[in-house]
C-alpha atoms as a PDB file:
ATOM      1  CA  MET A   1     -26.065  18.360  -3.687  1.00  0.00           C
ATOM      2  CA  LEU A   2     -23.878  18.968  -0.715  1.00  0.00           C
ATOM      3  CA  GLY A   3     -24.220  15.443   0.505  1.00  0.00           C
ATOM      4  CA  ILE A   4     -23.041  13.905  -2.790  1.00  0.00           C
ATOM      5  CA  THR A   5     -19.828  16.190  -2.702  1.00  0.00           C
ATOM      6  CA  VAL A   6     -18.913  15.218   0.672  1.00  0.00           C
ATOM      7  CA  TRP A   7     -19.122  11.569  -0.283  1.00  0.00           C
ATOM      8  CA  ILE A   8     -16.990  12.077  -3.376  1.00  0.00           C
ATOM      9  CA  ILE A   9     -14.246  14.040  -1.497  1.00  0.00           C
ATOM     10  CA  PHE A  10     -14.338  11.212   1.179  1.00  0.00           C
ATOM     11  CA  PHE A  11     -13.939   8.545  -1.508  1.00  0.00           C
ATOM     12  CA  ILE A  12     -11.024  10.462  -3.042  1.00  0.00           C
ATOM     13  CA  GLY A  13      -9.266  11.084   0.277  1.00  0.00           C
ATOM     14  CA  SER A  14      -9.735   7.383   1.253  1.00  0.00           C
ATOM     15  CA  TYR A  15      -8.128   6.413  -2.029  1.00  0.00           C
ATOM     16  CA  PHE A  16      -4.992   8.447  -1.493  1.00  0.00           C
ATOM     17  CA  ILE A  17      -4.587   7.223   2.040  1.00  0.00           C
ATOM     18  CA  ILE A  18      -4.847   3.555   0.920  1.00  0.00           C
ATOM     19  CA  PHE A  19      -2.466   4.208  -1.937  1.00  0.00           C
ATOM     20  CA  PHE A  20       0.138   5.855   0.276  1.00  0.00           C
ATOM     21  CA  ALA A  21      -0.217   3.300   3.020  1.00  0.00           C
ATOM     22  CA  ALA A  22       0.273   0.520   0.474  1.00  0.00           C
ATOM     23  CA  ASP A  23       3.500   2.141  -0.741  1.00  0.00           C
ATOM     24  CA  ILE A  24       4.950   2.586   2.816  1.00  0.00           C
ATOM     25  CA  PHE A  25       4.028  -0.975   3.517  1.00  0.00           C
ATOM     26  CA  LEU A  26       6.030  -2.350   0.506  1.00  0.00           C
ATOM     27  CA  GLU A  27       8.995  -0.235   1.327  1.00  0.00           C
ATOM     28  CA  ASN A  28       9.022  -1.767   4.709  1.00  0.00           C
ATOM     29  CA  LEU A  29       8.683  -5.038   3.177  1.00  0.00           C
ATOM     30  CA  LYS A  30      11.867  -4.454   1.257  1.00  0.00           C
ATOM     31  CA  ASP A  31      13.874  -3.476   4.327  1.00  0.00           C
ATOM     32  CA  ILE A  32      12.528  -6.601   6.285  1.00  0.00           C
ATOM     33  CA  CYS A  33      14.025  -8.679   3.220  1.00  0.00           C
ATOM     34  CA  VAL A  34      17.316  -7.060   3.693  1.00  0.00           C
ATOM     35  CA  ILE A  35      17.480  -7.326   7.440  1.00  0.00           C
ATOM     36  CA  TYR A  36      16.341 -11.065   7.639  1.00  0.00           C
ATOM     37  CA  ASN A  37      18.163 -12.028   4.327  1.00  0.00           C
ATOM     38  CA  LEU A  38      14.764 -13.229   2.720  1.00  0.00           C
ATOM     39  CA  SER A  39      14.008 -13.509  -1.010  1.00  0.00           C
ATOM     40  CA  PRO A  40      12.137 -10.556  -2.344  1.00  0.00           C
ATOM     41  CA  PHE A  41      10.423 -12.870  -4.645  1.00  0.00           C
ATOM     42  CA  ILE A  42       8.968 -14.899  -1.647  1.00  0.00           C
ATOM     43  CA  ILE A  43       7.795 -11.808   0.219  1.00  0.00           C
ATOM     44  CA  GLY A  44       6.353 -10.485  -3.263  1.00  0.00           C
ATOM     45  CA  MET A  45       4.461 -13.639  -3.744  1.00  0.00           C
ATOM     46  CA  LEU A  46       3.029 -13.419  -0.128  1.00  0.00           C
ATOM     47  CA  ASP A  47       2.002  -9.757  -0.956  1.00  0.00           C
ATOM     48  CA  LEU A  48       0.719 -10.950  -4.499  1.00  0.00           C
ATOM     49  CA  ARG A  49       2.897  -8.418  -6.029  1.00  0.00           C
ATOM     50  CA  ILE A  50       6.530  -8.652  -7.183  1.00  0.00           C
ATOM     51  CA  LEU A  51       8.543  -5.456  -6.545  1.00  0.00           C
END
């Protein structure tokens, strides 16, 4: 029983790490758009998400 609990906690922790890392990544992409005067639409299409 302890083994499955550890894997569930590991899965949930990994999910939150990926979620917050993606959020930071997208925030940095918006800054890059402003710095290099790029269209957010183009960057959003490259990331497959439109901000």
